[in-house]
Amino acid sequence: MSMGHRRIDNPISIFEEILRPYKGGYGMTPRTWEVGTREKPTIVERSELVKKKYRAWQEDDGSYHEELIVDEPQETPNYGGTE
């Protein structure tokens, strides 16, 4: 049986095969965790999800508008670092 025409009777295994690249299986580069030193630190990128609130309205002429609601800045907690 060729690789292109595999028969899979179990739908769960089809789903697992689809998710394998996202789970770190075959086809993905394995994660490498390197730890730097104070003199030569490792650069770490993180993304952050930020929710923002807007006032939204529609004018009589059909135009749509949004205005950002700016809250007072909240103090970021210091988790043992220097200020």
Protein backbone atom coordinates (compact mmCIF):
# COMPACT_ATOMS: atom_id res chain seq x y z
CA MET A 1 0.00 0.00 0.00
CA SER A 2 1.47 3.39 -0.95
CA MET A 3 1.85 6.27 1.53
CA GLY A 4 -0.60 8.47 -0.38
CA HIS A 5 -3.48 6.00 -0.10
CA ARG A 6 -3.38 4.86 3.49
CA ARG A 7 -6.60 3.53 4.90
CA ILE A 8 -7.33 4.67 8.40
CA ASP A 9 -10.40 3.13 10.01
CA ASN A 10 -10.21 5.11 13.22
CA PRO A 11 -11.29 8.78 12.85
CA ILE A 12 -9.40 9.66 16.06
CA SER A 13 -6.14 8.53 14.48
CA ILE A 14 -6.85 10.75 11.44
CA PHE A 15 -7.34 13.68 13.81
CA GLU A 16 -4.14 12.81 15.69
CA GLU A 17 -2.24 12.66 12.41
CA ILE A 18 -3.52 16.11 11.44
CA LEU A 19 -2.51 17.56 14.82
CA ARG A 20 0.93 15.90 14.97
CA PRO A 21 2.86 18.91 13.54
CA TYR A 22 1.23 21.21 16.08
CA LYS A 23 2.08 18.89 18.95
CA GLY A 24 5.78 18.92 18.14
CA GLY A 25 5.88 15.65 16.25
CA TYR A 26 7.31 14.89 12.83
CA GLY A 27 7.85 17.89 10.60
CA MET A 28 8.44 20.52 13.26
CA THR A 29 11.74 21.79 14.52
CA PRO A 30 12.15 20.71 18.13
CA ARG A 31 12.26 23.50 20.69
CA THR A 32 15.64 24.27 22.07
CA TRP A 33 15.97 25.94 25.44
CA GLU A 34 19.24 27.75 25.91
CA VAL A 35 20.09 29.62 29.05
CA GLY A 36 22.37 32.61 28.78
CA THR A 37 24.51 34.39 31.32
CA ARG A 38 24.25 37.94 32.65
CA GLU A 39 27.05 39.01 30.32
CA LYS A 40 25.62 37.15 27.32
CA PRO A 41 21.87 36.68 27.89
CA THR A 42 19.55 34.64 25.73
CA ILE A 43 16.99 36.74 23.84
CA VAL A 44 13.45 35.52 24.46
CA GLU A 45 10.46 36.71 22.43
CA ARG A 46 7.00 36.60 23.92
CA SER A 47 3.73 37.75 22.45
CA GLU A 48 1.01 39.27 24.53
CA LEU A 49 -2.73 39.43 23.97
CA VAL A 50 -4.08 42.86 24.84
CA LYS A 51 -7.78 43.61 25.08
CA LYS A 52 -8.89 47.16 24.37
CA LYS A 53 -12.31 48.72 24.73
CA TYR A 54 -13.81 51.05 22.15
CA ARG A 55 -16.91 53.21 21.98
CA ALA A 56 -18.55 52.37 18.66
CA TRP A 57 -21.42 54.09 16.91
CA GLN A 58 -23.00 54.54 13.53
CA GLU A 59 -24.03 57.95 12.21
CA ASP A 60 -27.27 58.64 10.34
CA ASP A 61 -25.30 58.74 7.09
CA GLY A 62 -24.20 55.13 7.66
CA SER A 63 -20.58 55.87 8.62
CA TYR A 64 -19.11 53.73 11.40
CA HIS A 65 -16.83 55.16 14.09
CA GLU A 66 -14.76 53.78 16.97
CA GLU A 67 -13.06 55.65 19.78
CA LEU A 68 -10.53 54.00 22.07
CA ILE A 69 -11.42 54.09 25.76
CA VAL A 70 -8.20 54.96 27.57
CA ASP A 71 -8.13 53.66 31.14
CA GLU A 72 -5.81 54.89 33.81
CA PRO A 73 -2.49 53.05 33.48
CA GLN A 74 -2.23 50.28 36.04
CA GLU A 75 0.99 49.82 37.94
CA THR A 76 2.82 46.71 36.78
CA PRO A 77 3.76 44.48 39.70
CA ASN A 78 7.48 44.06 40.32
CA TYR A 79 8.28 40.36 40.61
CA GLY A 80 11.58 40.66 42.42
CA GLY A 81 13.41 42.69 39.78
CA THR A 82 14.99 46.06 40.32
CA GLU A 83 12.99 49.21 39.87
